[in-house]
């Protein structure tokens, strides 16, 4: 899986991604059966957190700085870069990519 959906809940994208990574990590630590499929979202989030310049992303995409309850799709592209798309139904522009 090279895609995940993240609800920002009014937080900046970095804070929301870190919180979701912590949540998934706790679930994996408590789980007796560590299926590869269940680890993929956590691994993708870890890569996203390590690879992303969040200051630059928030400067380029102010809607990701928090304050609005938006949902984004984070995708690892074939070149190793991450794309962030605001999903339809969110208050921000659904057609913009980072």
PDB file of N, CA and C in Angstrom:
ATOM      1  N   UNK A   1       0.849  -1.177   0.000  1.00  0.00           N
ATOM      2  CA  UNK A   1       0.000   0.000   0.000  1.00  0.00           C
ATOM      3  C   UNK A   1       0.893   1.237   0.000  1.00  0.00           C
ATOM      4  N   UNK A   2       0.711   2.099  -0.987  1.00  0.00           N
ATOM      5  CA  UNK A   2       1.481   3.329  -1.088  1.00  0.00           C
ATOM      6  C   UNK A   2       0.624   4.551  -0.842  1.00  0.00           C
ATOM      7  N   UNK A   3      -0.562   4.348  -0.295  1.00  0.00           N
ATOM      8  CA  UNK A   3      -1.495   5.441  -0.049  1.00  0.00           C
ATOM      9  C   UNK A   3      -2.140   5.271   1.312  1.00  0.00           C
ATOM     10  N   UNK A   4      -2.360   6.397   1.981  1.00  0.00           N
ATOM     11  CA  UNK A   4      -3.139   6.372   3.212  1.00  0.00           C
ATOM     12  C   UNK A   4      -3.936   7.646   3.323  1.00  0.00           C
ATOM     13  N   UNK A   5      -5.031   7.582   4.049  1.00  0.00           N
ATOM     14  CA  UNK A   5      -5.905   8.731   4.269  1.00  0.00           C
ATOM     15  C   UNK A   5      -5.722   9.179   5.704  1.00  0.00           C
ATOM     16  N   UNK A   6      -5.583  10.487   5.870  1.00  0.00           N
ATOM     17  CA  UNK A   6      -5.326  11.061   7.186  1.00  0.00           C
ATOM     18  C   UNK A   6      -6.294  12.208   7.434  1.00  0.00           C
ATOM     19  N   UNK A   7      -7.046  12.116   8.525  1.00  0.00           N
ATOM     20  CA  UNK A   7      -7.962  13.184   8.932  1.00  0.00           C
ATOM     21  C   UNK A   7      -7.179  14.137   9.831  1.00  0.00           C
ATOM     22  N   UNK A   8      -7.037  15.387   9.408  1.00  0.00           N
ATOM     23  CA  UNK A   8      -6.233  16.340  10.172  1.00  0.00           C
ATOM     24  C   UNK A   8      -6.949  16.865  11.411  1.00  0.00           C
ATOM     25  N   UNK A   9      -8.269  16.774  11.459  1.00  0.00           N
ATOM     26  CA  UNK A   9      -9.042  17.196  12.645  1.00  0.00           C
ATOM     27  C   UNK A   9      -8.654  18.597  13.114  1.00  0.00           C
ATOM     28  N   UNK A  10      -8.357  19.492  12.192  1.00  0.00           N
ATOM     29  CA  UNK A  10      -8.001  20.853  12.551  1.00  0.00           C
ATOM     30  C   UNK A  10      -6.555  21.040  12.968  1.00  0.00           C
ATOM     31  N   UNK A  11      -5.770  19.960  12.989  1.00  0.00           N
ATOM     32  CA  UNK A  11      -4.351  20.049  13.346  1.00  0.00           C
ATOM     33  C   UNK A  11      -3.526  20.259  12.081  1.00  0.00           C
ATOM     34  N   UNK A  12      -2.264  20.669  12.252  1.00  0.00           N
ATOM     35  CA  UNK A  12      -1.386  20.742  11.091  1.00  0.00           C
ATOM     36  C   UNK A  12      -1.058  19.320  10.652  1.00  0.00           C
ATOM     37  N   UNK A  13      -0.641  19.169   9.419  1.00  0.00           N
ATOM     38  CA  UNK A  13      -0.405  17.843   8.861  1.00  0.00           C
ATOM     39  C   UNK A  13       0.690  17.096   9.623  1.00  0.00           C
ATOM     40  N   UNK A  14       1.704  17.796  10.087  1.00  0.00           N
ATOM     41  CA  UNK A  14       2.784  17.133  10.829  1.00  0.00           C
ATOM     42  C   UNK A  14       2.280  16.572  12.155  1.00  0.00           C
ATOM     43  N   UNK A  15       1.529  17.362  12.891  1.00  0.00           N
ATOM     44  CA  UNK A  15       0.985  16.924  14.178  1.00  0.00           C
ATOM     45  C   UNK A  15       0.041  15.747  13.991  1.00  0.00           C
ATOM     46  N   UNK A  16      -0.833  15.829  12.988  1.00  0.00           N
ATOM     47  CA  UNK A  16      -1.781  14.744  12.728  1.00  0.00           C
ATOM     48  C   UNK A  16      -1.049  13.464  12.313  1.00  0.00           C
ATOM     49  N   UNK A  17      -0.017  13.594  11.475  1.00  0.00           N
ATOM     50  CA  UNK A  17       0.736  12.413  11.032  1.00  0.00           C
ATOM     51  C   UNK A  17       1.486  11.777  12.200  1.00  0.00           C
ATOM     52  N   UNK A  18       2.091  12.591  13.055  1.00  0.00           N
ATOM     53  CA  UNK A  18       2.801  12.053  14.222  1.00  0.00           C
ATOM     54  C   UNK A  18       1.842  11.346  15.184  1.00  0.00           C
ATOM     55  N   UNK A  19       0.677  11.930  15.397  1.00  0.00           N
ATOM     56  CA  UNK A  19      -0.315  11.317  16.292  1.00  0.00           C
ATOM     57  C   UNK A  19      -0.805   9.990  15.722  1.00  0.00           C
ATOM     58  N   UNK A  20      -1.052   9.935  14.428  1.00  0.00           N
ATOM     59  CA  UNK A  20      -1.514   8.690  13.810  1.00  0.00           C
ATOM     60  C   UNK A  20      -0.408   7.641  13.834  1.00  0.00           C
ATOM     61  N   UNK A  21       0.833   8.055  13.631  1.00  0.00           N
ATOM     62  CA  UNK A  21       1.958   7.113  13.693  1.00  0.00           C
ATOM     63  C   UNK A  21       2.073   6.513  15.097  1.00  0.00           C
ATOM     64  N   UNK A  22       1.951   7.352  16.137  1.00  0.00           N
ATOM     65  CA  UNK A  22       1.990   6.858  17.519  1.00  0.00           C
ATOM     66  C   UNK A  22       0.843   5.880  17.780  1.00  0.00           C
ATOM     67  N   UNK A  23      -0.348   6.219  17.297  1.00  0.00           N
ATOM     68  CA  UNK A  23      -1.518   5.356  17.494  1.00  0.00           C
ATOM     69  C   UNK A  23      -1.301   3.989  16.831  1.00  0.00           C
ATOM     70  N   UNK A  24      -0.844   4.004  15.586  1.00  0.00           N
ATOM     71  CA  UNK A  24      -0.617   2.743  14.872  1.00  0.00           C
ATOM     72  C   UNK A  24       0.510   1.945  15.513  1.00  0.00           C
ATOM     73  N   UNK A  25       1.545   2.620  15.981  1.00  0.00           N
ATOM     74  CA  UNK A  25       2.665   1.929  16.633  1.00  0.00           C
ATOM     75  C   UNK A  25       2.208   1.226  17.905  1.00  0.00           C
ATOM     76  N   UNK A  26       1.358   1.871  18.681  1.00  0.00           N
ATOM     77  CA  UNK A  26       0.833   1.252  19.905  1.00  0.00           C
ATOM     78  C   UNK A  26       0.009   0.012  19.578  1.00  0.00           C
ATOM     79  N   UNK A  27      -0.791   0.099  18.538  1.00  0.00           N
ATOM     80  CA  UNK A  27      -1.604  -1.055  18.127  1.00  0.00           C
ATOM     81  C   UNK A  27      -0.698  -2.204  17.723  1.00  0.00           C
ATOM     82  N   UNK A  28       0.340  -1.910  16.947  1.00  0.00           N
ATOM     83  CA  UNK A  28       1.260  -2.960  16.504  1.00  0.00           C
ATOM     84  C   UNK A  28       2.012  -3.583  17.675  1.00  0.00           C
ATOM     85  N   UNK A  29       2.391  -2.766  18.657  1.00  0.00           N
ATOM     86  CA  UNK A  29       3.109  -3.304  19.817  1.00  0.00           C
ATOM     87  C   UNK A  29       2.231  -4.224  20.652  1.00  0.00           C
ATOM     88  N   UNK A  30       0.937  -3.927  20.720  1.00  0.00           N
ATOM     89  CA  UNK A  30       0.011  -4.743  21.500  1.00  0.00           C
ATOM     90  C   UNK A  30      -0.428  -5.993  20.756  1.00  0.00           C
ATOM     91  N   UNK A  31      -0.306  -5.977  19.455  1.00  0.00           N
ATOM     92  CA  UNK A  31      -0.783  -7.086  18.633  1.00  0.00           C
ATOM     93  C   UNK A  31       0.170  -8.270  18.709  1.00  0.00           C
ATOM     94  N   UNK A  32      -0.388  -9.444  18.902  1.00  0.00           N
ATOM     95  CA  UNK A  32       0.427 -10.657  18.932  1.00  0.00           C
ATOM     96  C   UNK A  32       0.759 -11.111  17.520  1.00  0.00           C
ATOM     97  N   UNK A  33      -0.149 -10.880  16.594  1.00  0.00           N
ATOM     98  CA  UNK A  33       0.111 -11.268  15.206  1.00  0.00           C
ATOM     99  C   UNK A  33       0.451 -10.022  14.407  1.00  0.00           C
ATOM    100  N   UNK A  34       1.672  -9.928  13.978  1.00  0.00           N
ATOM    101  CA  UNK A  34       2.127  -8.759  13.224  1.00  0.00           C
ATOM    102  C   UNK A  34       2.097  -9.078  11.738  1.00  0.00           C
ATOM    103  N   UNK A  35       0.941  -8.869  11.151  1.00  0.00           N
ATOM    104  CA  UNK A  35       0.773  -9.127   9.738  1.00  0.00           C
ATOM    105  C   UNK A  35       1.420  -7.999   8.937  1.00  0.00           C
ATOM    106  N   UNK A  36       2.134  -8.333   7.881  1.00  0.00           N
ATOM    107  CA  UNK A  36       2.757  -7.287   7.066  1.00  0.00           C
ATOM    108  C   UNK A  36       1.767  -6.222   6.604  1.00  0.00           C
ATOM    109  N   UNK A  37       0.551  -6.600   6.251  1.00  0.00           N
ATOM    110  CA  UNK A  37      -0.437  -5.635   5.777  1.00  0.00           C
ATOM    111  C   UNK A  37      -0.788  -4.618   6.861  1.00  0.00           C
ATOM    112  N   UNK A  38      -0.776  -5.038   8.125  1.00  0.00           N
ATOM    113  CA  UNK A  38      -1.129  -4.115   9.195  1.00  0.00           C
ATOM    114  C   UNK A  38       0.011  -3.151   9.507  1.00  0.00           C
ATOM    115  N   UNK A  39       1.217  -3.491   9.122  1.00  0.00           N
ATOM    116  CA  UNK A  39       2.355  -2.616   9.386  1.00  0.00           C
ATOM    117  C   UNK A  39       2.561  -1.581   8.290  1.00  0.00           C
ATOM    118  N   UNK A  40       1.993  -1.786   7.124  1.00  0.00           N
ATOM    119  CA  UNK A  40       2.249  -0.897   6.004  1.00  0.00           C
ATOM    120  C   UNK A  40       1.848   0.553   6.243  1.00  0.00           C
ATOM    121  N   UNK A  41       0.664   0.856   6.793  1.00  0.00           N
ATOM    122  CA  UNK A  41       0.342   2.266   7.038  1.00  0.00           C
ATOM    123  C   UNK A  41       1.332   2.930   8.003  1.00  0.00           C
ATOM    124  N   UNK A  42       1.754   2.224   9.024  1.00  0.00           N
ATOM    125  CA  UNK A  42       2.716   2.794   9.976  1.00  0.00           C
ATOM    126  C   UNK A  42       4.057   3.049   9.297  1.00  0.00           C
ATOM    127  N   UNK A  43       4.494   2.120   8.469  1.00  0.00           N
ATOM    128  CA  UNK A  43       5.762   2.291   7.764  1.00  0.00           C
ATOM    129  C   UNK A  43       5.685   3.445   6.769  1.00  0.00           C
ATOM    130  N   UNK A  44       4.576   3.562   6.063  1.00  0.00           N
ATOM    131  CA  UNK A  44       4.408   4.670   5.127  1.00  0.00           C
ATOM    132  C   UNK A  44       4.399   6.004   5.871  1.00  0.00           C
ATOM    133  N   UNK A  45       3.717   6.059   7.009  1.00  0.00           N
ATOM    134  CA  UNK A  45       3.716   7.281   7.822  1.00  0.00           C
ATOM    135  C   UNK A  45       5.118   7.612   8.329  1.00  0.00           C
ATOM    136  N   UNK A  46       5.864   6.598   8.752  1.00  0.00           N
ATOM    137  CA  UNK A  46       7.233   6.828   9.217  1.00  0.00           C
ATOM    138  C   UNK A  46       8.077   7.434   8.101  1.00  0.00           C
ATOM    139  N   UNK A  47       7.979   6.865   6.915  1.00  0.00           N
ATOM    140  CA  UNK A  47       8.726   7.403   5.770  1.00  0.00           C
ATOM    141  C   UNK A  47       8.304   8.832   5.460  1.00  0.00           C
ATOM    142  N   UNK A  48       7.000   9.091   5.518  1.00  0.00           N
ATOM    143  CA  UNK A  48       6.478  10.433   5.265  1.00  0.00           C
ATOM    144  C   UNK A  48       7.028  11.429   6.285  1.00  0.00           C
ATOM    145  N   UNK A  49       7.034  11.036   7.557  1.00  0.00           N
ATOM    146  CA  UNK A  49       7.538  11.921   8.609  1.00  0.00           C
ATOM    147  C   UNK A  49       9.026  12.211   8.452  1.00  0.00           C
ATOM    148  N   UNK A  50       9.791  11.235   8.027  1.00  0.00           N
ATOM    149  CA  UNK A  50      11.239  11.399   7.866  1.00  0.00           C
ATOM    150  C   UNK A  50      11.563  12.218   6.620  1.00  0.00           C
ATOM    151  N   UNK A  51      10.838  11.973   5.539  1.00  0.00           N
ATOM    152  CA  UNK A  51      11.195  12.553   4.239  1.00  0.00           C
ATOM    153  C   UNK A  51      10.636  13.952   3.988  1.00  0.00           C
ATOM    154  N   UNK A  52       9.642  14.359   4.743  1.00  0.00           N
ATOM    155  CA  UNK A  52       8.934  15.598   4.434  1.00  0.00           C
ATOM    156  C   UNK A  52       9.500  16.801   5.180  1.00  0.00           C
ATOM    157  N   UNK A  53       9.686  17.888   4.453  1.00  0.00           N
ATOM    158  CA  UNK A  53      10.038  19.181   5.036  1.00  0.00           C
ATOM    159  C   UNK A  53       8.709  19.874   5.351  1.00  0.00           C
ATOM    160  N   UNK A  54       8.233  19.693   6.569  1.00  0.00           N
ATOM    161  CA  UNK A  54       6.907  20.179   6.928  1.00  0.00           C
ATOM    162  C   UNK A  54       6.809  21.698   6.923  1.00  0.00           C
ATOM    163  N   UNK A  55       7.864  22.377   7.269  1.00  0.00           N
ATOM    164  CA  UNK A  55       7.843  23.845   7.238  1.00  0.00           C
ATOM    165  C   UNK A  55       7.596  24.317   5.804  1.00  0.00           C
ATOM    166  N   UNK A  56       8.291  23.725   4.851  1.00  0.00           N
ATOM    167  CA  UNK A  56       8.108  24.098   3.447  1.00  0.00           C
ATOM    168  C   UNK A  56       6.720  23.693   2.951  1.00  0.00           C
ATOM    169  N   UNK A  57       6.254  22.511   3.353  1.00  0.00           N
ATOM    170  CA  UNK A  57       4.932  22.041   2.933  1.00  0.00           C
ATOM    171  C   UNK A  57       3.840  22.975   3.443  1.00  0.00           C
ATOM    172  N   UNK A  58       3.927  23.371   4.710  1.00  0.00           N
ATOM    173  CA  UNK A  58       2.915  24.282   5.273  1.00  0.00           C
ATOM    174  C   UNK A  58       2.993  25.660   4.629  1.00  0.00           C
ATOM    175  N   UNK A  59       4.197  26.105   4.260  1.00  0.00           N
ATOM    176  CA  UNK A  59       4.342  27.407   3.590  1.00  0.00           C
ATOM    177  C   UNK A  59       3.715  27.359   2.193  1.00  0.00           C
ATOM    178  N   UNK A  60       3.901  26.244   1.515  1.00  0.00           N
ATOM    179  CA  UNK A  60       3.370  26.078   0.168  1.00  0.00           C
ATOM    180  C   UNK A  60       1.869  25.810   0.188  1.00  0.00           C
ATOM    181  N   UNK A  61       1.403  25.111   1.199  1.00  0.00           N
ATOM    182  CA  UNK A  61       0.006  24.696   1.297  1.00  0.00           C
ATOM    183  C   UNK A  61      -0.568  25.129   2.652  1.00  0.00           C
ATOM    184  N   UNK A  62      -0.950  26.401   2.806  1.00  0.00           N
ATOM    185  CA  UNK A  62      -1.425  26.915   4.102  1.00  0.00           C
ATOM    186  C   UNK A  62      -2.594  26.137   4.698  1.00  0.00           C
ATOM    187  N   UNK A  63      -3.409  25.494   3.864  1.00  0.00           N
ATOM    188  CA  UNK A  63      -4.548  24.727   4.377  1.00  0.00           C
ATOM    189  C   UNK A  63      -4.090  23.535   5.210  1.00  0.00           C
ATOM    190  N   UNK A  64      -2.810  23.133   5.075  1.00  0.00           N
ATOM    191  CA  UNK A  64      -2.268  22.006   5.836  1.00  0.00           C
ATOM    192  C   UNK A  64      -1.664  22.440   7.168  1.00  0.00           C
ATOM    193  N   UNK A  65      -1.726  23.732   7.465  1.00  0.00           N
ATOM    194  CA  UNK A  65      -1.145  24.262   8.699  1.00  0.00           C
ATOM    195  C   UNK A  65      -2.084  24.138   9.894  1.00  0.00           C
ATOM    196  N   UNK A  66      -3.283  23.662   9.676  1.00  0.00           N
ATOM    197  CA  UNK A  66      -4.222  23.473  10.777  1.00  0.00           C
ATOM    198  C   UNK A  66      -5.312  24.518  10.771  1.00  0.00           C
ATOM    199  N   UNK A  67      -6.277  24.299  11.625  1.00  0.00           N
ATOM    200  CA  UNK A  67      -7.384  25.230  11.746  1.00  0.00           C
ATOM    201  C   UNK A  67      -8.635  24.792  11.000  1.00  0.00           C
ATOM    202  N   UNK A  68      -8.466  23.968   9.974  1.00  0.00           N
ATOM    203  CA  UNK A  68      -9.622  23.492   9.217  1.00  0.00           C
ATOM    204  C   UNK A  68      -9.702  21.969   9.319  1.00  0.00           C
ATOM    205  N   UNK A  69     -10.905  21.440   9.474  1.00  0.00           N
ATOM    206  CA  UNK A  69     -11.059  19.986   9.574  1.00  0.00           C
ATOM    207  C   UNK A  69     -11.030  19.328   8.192  1.00  0.00           C
ATOM    208  N   UNK A  70      -9.836  19.127   7.654  1.00  0.00           N
ATOM    209  CA  UNK A  70      -9.726  18.542   6.319  1.00  0.00           C
ATOM    210  C   UNK A  70      -9.179  17.121   6.379  1.00  0.00           C
ATOM    211  N   UNK A  71      -9.407  16.389   5.316  1.00  0.00           N
ATOM    212  CA  UNK A  71      -8.901  15.029   5.173  1.00  0.00           C
ATOM    213  C   UNK A  71      -8.014  15.008   3.943  1.00  0.00           C
ATOM    214  N   UNK A  72      -6.858  14.357   4.066  1.00  0.00           N
ATOM    215  CA  UNK A  72      -5.912  14.302   2.955  1.00  0.00           C
ATOM    216  C   UNK A  72      -5.585  12.852   2.607  1.00  0.00           C
ATOM    217  N   UNK A  73      -5.179  12.666   1.366  1.00  0.00           N
ATOM    218  CA  UNK A  73      -4.654  11.377   0.917  1.00  0.00           C
ATOM    219  C   UNK A  73      -3.162  11.594   0.678  1.00  0.00           C
ATOM    220  N   UNK A  74      -2.343  10.783   1.345  1.00  0.00           N
ATOM    221  CA  UNK A  74      -0.886  10.842   1.191  1.00  0.00           C
ATOM    222  C   UNK A  74      -0.487   9.647   0.347  1.00  0.00           C
ATOM    223  N   UNK A  75       0.222   9.912  -0.744  1.00  0.00           N
ATOM    224  CA  UNK A  75       0.607   8.858  -1.676  1.00  0.00           C
ATOM    225  C   UNK A  75       2.108   8.907  -1.908  1.00  0.00           C
ATOM    226  N   UNK A  76       2.749   7.758  -1.834  1.00  0.00           N
ATOM    227  CA  UNK A  76       4.162   7.639  -2.183  1.00  0.00           C
ATOM    228  C   UNK A  76       4.220   7.391  -3.683  1.00  0.00           C
ATOM    229  N   UNK A  77       4.743   8.372  -4.412  1.00  0.00           N
ATOM    230  CA  UNK A  77       4.827   8.291  -5.864  1.00  0.00           C
ATOM    231  C   UNK A  77       5.992   7.400  -6.280  1.00  0.00           C
ATOM    232  N   UNK A  78       6.014   7.004  -7.539  1.00  0.00           N
ATOM    233  CA  UNK A  78       7.042   6.090  -8.032  1.00  0.00           C
ATOM    234  C   UNK A  78       8.451   6.658  -7.895  1.00  0.00           C
ATOM    235  N   UNK A  79       8.627   7.968  -7.922  1.00  0.00           N
ATOM    236  CA  UNK A  79       9.943   8.584  -7.779  1.00  0.00           C
ATOM    237  C   UNK A  79      10.402   8.729  -6.340  1.00  0.00           C
ATOM    238  N   UNK A  80       9.616   8.234  -5.396  1.00  0.00           N
ATOM    239  CA  UNK A  80       9.990   8.315  -3.992  1.00  0.00           C
ATOM    240  C   UNK A  80       9.524   9.582  -3.295  1.00  0.00           C
ATOM    241  N   UNK A  81       8.807  10.446  -4.019  1.00  0.00           N
ATOM    242  CA  UNK A  81       8.262  11.667  -3.422  1.00  0.00           C
ATOM    243  C   UNK A  81       6.837  11.412  -2.946  1.00  0.00           C
ATOM    244  N   UNK A  82       6.424  12.174  -1.951  1.00  0.00           N
ATOM    245  CA  UNK A  82       5.072  12.053  -1.430  1.00  0.00           C
ATOM    246  C   UNK A  82       4.189  13.137  -2.039  1.00  0.00           C
ATOM    247  N   UNK A  83       2.974  12.761  -2.407  1.00  0.00           N
ATOM    248  CA  UNK A  83       1.953  13.697  -2.872  1.00  0.00           C
ATOM    249  C   UNK A  83       0.884  13.772  -1.800  1.00  0.00           C
ATOM    250  N   UNK A  84       0.409  14.981  -1.544  1.00  0.00           N
ATOM    251  CA  UNK A  84      -0.648  15.194  -0.564  1.00  0.00           C
ATOM    252  C   UNK A  84      -1.813  15.845  -1.294  1.00  0.00           C
ATOM    253  N   UNK A  85      -2.965  15.178  -1.259  1.00  0.00           N
ATOM    254  CA  UNK A  85      -4.152  15.703  -1.936  1.00  0.00           C
ATOM    255  C   UNK A  85      -5.268  15.860  -0.910  1.00  0.00           C
ATOM    256  N   UNK A  86      -5.879  17.038  -0.894  1.00  0.00           N
ATOM    257  CA  UNK A  86      -7.039  17.279  -0.035  1.00  0.00           C
ATOM    258  C   UNK A  86      -8.228  16.576  -0.674  1.00  0.00           C
ATOM    259  N   UNK A  87      -8.913  15.762   0.106  1.00  0.00           N
ATOM    260  CA  UNK A  87     -10.026  14.986  -0.427  1.00  0.00           C
ATOM    261  C   UNK A  87     -11.284  15.834  -0.585  1.00  0.00           C
ATOM    262  N   UNK A  88     -12.099  15.505  -1.571  1.00  0.00           N
ATOM    263  CA  UNK A  88     -13.361  16.220  -1.769  1.00  0.00           C
ATOM    264  C   UNK A  88     -14.207  16.193  -0.504  1.00  0.00           C
ATOM    265  N   UNK A  89     -14.898  17.271  -0.284  1.00  0.00           N
ATOM    266  CA  UNK A  89     -15.725  17.380   0.916  1.00  0.00           C
ATOM    267  C   UNK A  89     -15.016  18.138   2.028  1.00  0.00           C
ATOM    268  N   UNK A  90     -13.696  18.327   1.884  1.00  0.00           N
ATOM    269  CA  UNK A  90     -12.940  19.118   2.844  1.00  0.00           C
ATOM    270  C   UNK A  90     -13.071  20.586   2.470  1.00  0.00           C
ATOM    271  N   UNK A  91     -12.950  21.503   3.441  1.00  0.00           N
ATOM    272  CA  UNK A  91     -13.104  22.929   3.150  1.00  0.00           C
ATOM    273  C   UNK A  91     -12.032  23.479   2.197  1.00  0.00           C
ATOM    274  N   UNK A  92     -10.873  22.841   2.079  1.00  0.00           N
ATOM    275  CA  UNK A  92      -9.811  23.334   1.205  1.00  0.00           C
ATOM    276  C   UNK A  92     -10.028  22.860  -0.227  1.00  0.00           C
ATOM    277  N   UNK A  93      -9.258  23.392  -1.139  1.00  0.00           N
ATOM    278  CA  UNK A  93      -9.353  23.063  -2.565  1.00  0.00           C
ATOM    279  C   UNK A  93      -9.059  21.583  -2.792  1.00  0.00           C
ATOM    280  N   UNK A  94     -10.012  20.784  -3.262  1.00  0.00           N
ATOM    281  CA  UNK A  94      -9.787  19.358  -3.447  1.00  0.00           C
ATOM    282  C   UNK A  94      -8.885  19.016  -4.619  1.00  0.00           C
ATOM    283  N   UNK A  95      -8.562  19.969  -5.470  1.00  0.00           N
ATOM    284  CA  UNK A  95      -7.751  19.652  -6.644  1.00  0.00           C
ATOM    285  C   UNK A  95      -6.286  19.950  -6.499  1.00  0.00           C
ATOM    286  N   UNK A  96      -5.829  20.396  -5.342  1.00  0.00           N
ATOM    287  CA  UNK A  96      -4.428  20.788  -5.214  1.00  0.00           C
ATOM    288  C   UNK A  96      -3.580  19.629  -4.739  1.00  0.00           C
ATOM    289  N   UNK A  97      -2.339  19.578  -5.209  1.00  0.00           N
ATOM    290  CA  UNK A  97      -1.362  18.546  -4.838  1.00  0.00           C
ATOM    291  C   UNK A  97      -0.097  19.204  -4.324  1.00  0.00           C
ATOM    292  N   UNK A  98       0.648  18.440  -3.492  1.00  0.00           N
ATOM    293  CA  UNK A  98       1.962  18.915  -3.036  1.00  0.00           C
ATOM    294  C   UNK A  98       3.003  17.928  -3.482  1.00  0.00           C
TER     295      UNK A  98
END
